[in-house]
N, C-alpha and C. Protein backbone atom coordinates (compact mmCIF):
# COMPACT_ATOMS: atom_id res chain seq x y z
N MET A 1 1.08 -0.59 0.07
CA MET A 1 -0.12 -0.08 0.20
C MET A 1 0.95 1.02 -0.10
N ARG A 2 0.25 1.87 -0.39
CA ARG A 2 0.84 4.16 -0.56
C ARG A 2 0.24 4.74 -0.55
N TYR A 3 -0.07 5.98 0.04
CA TYR A 3 -0.95 7.05 0.81
C TYR A 3 -0.12 7.47 -1.02
N ARG A 4 -1.03 7.46 -1.95
CA ARG A 4 -0.42 8.37 -3.12
C ARG A 4 -1.70 9.92 -3.31
N THR A 5 -0.74 10.59 -3.96
CA THR A 5 -1.18 12.04 -4.00
C THR A 5 -1.36 12.07 -6.02
N TYR A 6 -2.43 11.82 -6.30
CA TYR A 6 -2.27 11.88 -7.77
C TYR A 6 -2.66 13.76 -7.83
N THR A 7 -2.35 14.12 -8.63
CA THR A 7 -2.97 15.82 -9.27
C THR A 7 -4.49 15.40 -9.50
N ASP A 8 -4.72 14.65 -10.10
CA ASP A 8 -6.34 15.64 -10.53
C ASP A 8 -7.52 15.68 -9.78
N LEU A 9 -6.32 14.77 -8.51
CA LEU A 9 -8.19 14.16 -6.84
C LEU A 9 -7.69 15.31 -6.17
N PRO A 10 -8.53 15.69 -5.07
CA PRO A 10 -8.50 16.82 -4.26
C PRO A 10 -7.75 16.84 -3.34
N ARG A 11 -7.79 14.94 -3.19
CA ARG A 11 -6.47 14.20 -1.70
C ARG A 11 -6.79 13.13 -1.70
N ALA A 12 -5.51 12.99 -1.29
CA ALA A 12 -4.79 11.73 -1.21
C ALA A 12 -5.11 10.21 -0.68
N LEU A 13 -4.63 9.06 -1.30
CA LEU A 13 -5.89 8.25 -0.76
C LEU A 13 -4.68 7.03 -0.47
N TRP A 14 -5.49 5.69 0.18
CA TRP A 14 -4.85 5.01 -0.44
C TRP A 14 -4.74 3.71 -0.65
N ALA A 15 -3.22 3.02 -1.86
CA ALA A 15 -3.15 2.55 -2.92
C ALA A 15 -3.05 1.28 -2.93
N LEU A 16 -3.23 0.37 -3.77
CA LEU A 16 -2.73 -0.88 -3.36
C LEU A 16 -2.21 -1.15 -5.18
N GLN A 17 -0.72 -0.80 -5.26
CA GLN A 17 -0.22 -0.85 -6.38
C GLN A 17 -0.04 -2.09 -6.92
N TRP A 18 -0.06 -3.21 -6.24
CA TRP A 18 0.42 -4.95 -6.94
C TRP A 18 0.82 -6.16 -5.21
N VAL A 19 0.58 -6.89 -5.87
CA VAL A 19 1.10 -8.24 -4.76
C VAL A 19 1.29 -9.20 -5.19
N TRP A 20 2.48 -9.48 -4.97
CA TRP A 20 3.12 -10.28 -5.84
C TRP A 20 3.28 -11.21 -4.53
N LEU A 21 2.80 -13.47 -4.85
CA LEU A 21 3.00 -13.99 -3.69
C LEU A 21 3.94 -15.10 -4.90
N HIS A 22 4.49 -15.60 -4.15
CA HIS A 22 5.33 -16.08 -4.83
C HIS A 22 4.65 -18.40 -5.39
N PRO A 23 5.03 -18.42 -6.36
CA PRO A 23 3.74 -19.72 -7.19
C PRO A 23 3.66 -20.32 -6.91
N PHE A 24 4.26 -20.94 -5.63
CA PHE A 24 3.54 -22.20 -4.42
C PHE A 24 3.29 -21.35 -3.57
N ALA A 25 2.24 -20.26 -2.81
CA ALA A 25 2.40 -19.83 -1.91
C ALA A 25 0.39 -19.34 -2.95
N ARG A 26 0.80 -19.54 -4.30
CA ARG A 26 -0.91 -19.01 -5.23
C ARG A 26 -1.55 -19.95 -4.52
N HIS A 27 -2.80 -19.20 -5.13
CA HIS A 27 -3.99 -20.31 -4.89
C HIS A 27 -4.63 -20.86 -3.37
N LYS A 28 -3.76 -20.13 -1.89
CA LYS A 28 -4.22 -20.83 -1.11
C LYS A 28 -5.17 -19.70 -0.40
N GLY A 29 -5.59 -19.44 -1.09
CA GLY A 29 -6.25 -17.64 -0.24
C GLY A 29 -5.37 -16.71 0.46
N LEU A 30 -4.48 -16.80 0.43
CA LEU A 30 -3.59 -15.83 1.02
C LEU A 30 -4.83 -14.38 0.52
N PHE A 31 -4.53 -13.88 -0.37
CA PHE A 31 -5.09 -12.32 -1.34
C PHE A 31 -6.48 -12.75 -0.30
N ALA A 32 -7.06 -13.42 -0.09
CA ALA A 32 -8.33 -12.92 -0.09
C ALA A 32 -8.41 -13.38 1.96
N ALA A 33 -7.58 -13.52 1.59
CA ALA A 33 -8.16 -13.15 3.62
C ALA A 33 -7.39 -12.34 4.05
N ALA A 34 -5.88 -11.99 3.34
CA ALA A 34 -5.23 -9.90 3.71
C ALA A 34 -6.97 -9.31 3.37
N TRP A 35 -7.30 -9.66 1.97
CA TRP A 35 -7.65 -8.51 1.40
C TRP A 35 -8.83 -7.68 2.65
N PRO A 36 -9.89 -8.01 3.19
CA PRO A 36 -10.86 -7.42 4.40
C PRO A 36 -10.10 -7.52 5.47
N VAL A 37 -8.60 -7.11 6.01
CA VAL A 37 -7.96 -7.31 6.21
C VAL A 37 -7.36 -6.12 6.20
N TRP A 38 -6.48 -5.97 5.39
CA TRP A 38 -5.82 -4.04 4.45
C TRP A 38 -7.45 -3.28 4.59
N LEU A 39 -8.12 -3.37 4.00
CA LEU A 39 -9.55 -2.58 4.46
C LEU A 39 -9.69 -2.39 5.64
N GLY A 40 -10.20 -3.14 6.86
CA GLY A 40 -9.98 -2.57 8.00
C GLY A 40 -8.78 -1.66 8.65
N ILE A 41 -7.53 -1.55 8.03
CA ILE A 41 -6.58 -0.49 8.84
C ILE A 41 -6.39 -0.19 7.51
N TYR A 42 -7.05 0.52 6.29
CA TYR A 42 -6.87 1.63 5.68
C TYR A 42 -8.37 2.16 5.28
N GLY A 43 -9.18 1.28 5.20
CA GLY A 43 -10.81 2.09 5.31
C GLY A 43 -11.19 1.88 3.77
N ALA A 44 -10.40 2.64 3.84
CA ALA A 44 -10.55 2.60 1.54
C ALA A 44 -9.26 2.25 1.35
N LEU A 45 -9.61 1.44 -0.35
CA LEU A 45 -8.70 1.16 -1.07
C LEU A 45 -8.24 1.82 -2.73
N TYR A 46 -7.82 2.37 -3.45
CA TYR A 46 -7.99 2.50 -4.72
C TYR A 46 -7.14 1.11 -5.43
N LEU A 47 -7.47 0.97 -6.33
CA LEU A 47 -6.34 -0.76 -6.85
C LEU A 47 -6.24 -0.14 -7.82
N GLU A 48 -4.95 0.44 -8.21
CA GLU A 48 -4.30 0.63 -9.86
C GLU A 48 -4.94 -0.47 -10.15
N LEU A 49 -5.26 -0.64 -11.45
CA LEU A 49 -4.74 -1.48 -12.81
C LEU A 49 -3.65 -1.28 -13.32
N PRO A 50 -2.78 -2.61 -13.94
CA PRO A 50 -3.81 -3.66 -14.24
C PRO A 50 -4.12 -4.91 -13.08
N ALA A 51 -5.08 -5.30 -13.25
CA ALA A 51 -5.10 -6.50 -11.31
C ALA A 51 -5.67 -7.49 -12.28
N SER A 52 -5.12 -9.11 -11.82
CA SER A 52 -5.22 -9.80 -12.65
C SER A 52 -6.90 -10.47 -12.23
N PRO A 53 -7.33 -11.17 -13.39
CA PRO A 53 -8.59 -11.65 -12.92
C PRO A 53 -9.81 -12.48 -11.78
N ALA A 54 -8.17 -13.30 -11.34
CA ALA A 54 -8.43 -13.45 -9.52
C ALA A 54 -8.30 -12.21 -8.88
N VAL A 55 -7.39 -11.31 -8.71
CA VAL A 55 -7.71 -10.65 -7.86
C VAL A 55 -8.85 -9.81 -8.63
N LEU A 56 -9.76 -9.49 -9.40
CA LEU A 56 -11.11 -9.05 -9.41
C LEU A 56 -12.15 -9.85 -8.96
N HIS A 57 -11.85 -11.37 -9.54
CA HIS A 57 -13.59 -11.66 -8.73
C HIS A 57 -13.19 -11.98 -7.54
N ILE A 58 -12.54 -11.82 -7.14
CA ILE A 58 -12.04 -11.78 -4.88
C ILE A 58 -12.68 -10.74 -4.65
N VAL A 59 -12.15 -9.17 -5.18
CA VAL A 59 -12.62 -8.07 -4.49
C VAL A 59 -14.42 -7.38 -5.44
N ARG A 60 -14.59 -8.29 -6.98
CA ARG A 60 -15.79 -7.54 -6.58
C ARG A 60 -17.58 -7.33 -5.99
N GLU A 61 -17.67 -7.96 -4.64
CA GLU A 61 -18.56 -8.26 -3.92
C GLU A 61 -17.60 -7.28 -2.41
N THR A 62 -16.32 -6.12 -2.72
CA THR A 62 -16.67 -5.20 -1.79
C THR A 62 -17.36 -4.03 -2.33
N PRO A 63 -17.50 -3.72 -0.65
CA PRO A 63 -18.62 -1.96 -0.99
C PRO A 63 -17.56 -0.95 -2.22
N THR A 64 -18.50 0.19 -2.89
CA THR A 64 -17.30 0.44 -3.85
C THR A 64 -18.10 2.23 -3.12
N ARG A 65 -17.09 3.40 -3.88
CA ARG A 65 -17.66 4.47 -3.71
C ARG A 65 -16.96 5.02 -4.64
N THR A 66 -17.15 5.96 -5.63
CA THR A 66 -16.56 6.73 -6.52
C THR A 66 -16.31 7.77 -6.70
N LEU A 67 -14.96 8.34 -6.90
CA LEU A 67 -14.42 9.54 -6.72
C LEU A 67 -14.16 10.34 -8.22
N LEU A 68 -14.37 11.59 -8.20
CA LEU A 68 -14.15 12.18 -10.20
C LEU A 68 -12.93 12.49 -10.07
N THR A 69 -12.05 12.80 -10.68
CA THR A 69 -11.13 13.58 -11.15
C THR A 69 -11.29 14.60 -11.62
N ASP A 70 -10.18 15.58 -11.81
CA ASP A 70 -11.11 16.95 -11.99
C ASP A 70 -11.62 17.21 -13.12
N THR A 71 -10.95 15.94 -14.59
CA THR A 71 -11.43 15.84 -15.32
C THR A 71 -12.64 14.95 -15.65
N GLY A 72 -13.45 14.57 -14.11
CA GLY A 72 -14.51 14.04 -14.32
C GLY A 72 -14.03 12.87 -14.68
N GLU A 73 -13.12 12.17 -14.37
CA GLU A 73 -12.76 10.54 -14.57
C GLU A 73 -13.27 9.81 -13.35
N ALA A 74 -14.70 8.65 -13.36
CA ALA A 74 -14.44 8.07 -12.19
C ALA A 74 -13.41 7.22 -12.04
N LEU A 75 -13.06 6.96 -10.84
CA LEU A 75 -12.13 6.05 -9.70
C LEU A 75 -13.36 5.44 -8.34
N THR A 76 -12.35 3.89 -8.67
CA THR A 76 -13.45 3.26 -7.75
C THR A 76 -12.44 3.02 -6.51
N LEU A 77 -13.39 3.28 -5.17
CA LEU A 77 -12.29 3.00 -4.33
C LEU A 77 -13.43 1.72 -4.14
N TYR A 78 -12.26 0.59 -3.16
CA TYR A 78 -12.89 -0.07 -2.52
C TYR A 78 -13.16 0.04 -0.72
N VAL A 79 -14.50 0.10 -0.52
CA VAL A 79 -14.26 0.29 0.97
C VAL A 79 -14.22 -0.81 2.70
N GLY A 80 -13.99 -0.43 3.54
CA GLY A 80 -14.49 -1.51 4.29
C GLY A 80 -15.66 -1.21 4.70
N LYS A 81 -16.61 -2.37 5.58
CA LYS A 81 -18.21 -2.64 5.87
C LYS A 81 -18.18 -0.99 6.67
N GLU A 82 -16.96 -0.95 7.96
CA GLU A 82 -17.39 0.08 8.04
C GLU A 82 -17.03 2.15 8.46
N VAL A 83 -16.89 1.46 6.47
CA VAL A 83 -16.78 2.96 6.89
C VAL A 83 -17.50 3.66 6.29
N THR A 84 -17.92 4.99 6.51
CA THR A 84 -19.74 4.95 5.53
C THR A 84 -19.09 6.57 5.11
N ALA A 85 -18.17 7.52 5.70
CA ALA A 85 -17.95 8.66 4.57
C ALA A 85 -17.57 8.79 3.11
């Protein structure tokens, strides 16, 4: 995770750039187990692309919030269940 500042957003946010797991550790549910923990720690995360189909499958049921850039582009933030603002 990185706390990222984007020139076209009014505020900084936490972003997930990439996750690498050793091939022997893949398909064991590690990312799926870590995802709700990260949301609990960071509250809301922007998932920077590209993301693998497996990651997109895991995060697909996560509640989201949309932020608009200065140019009107929509960015999806994945939010933890306790985040309401």
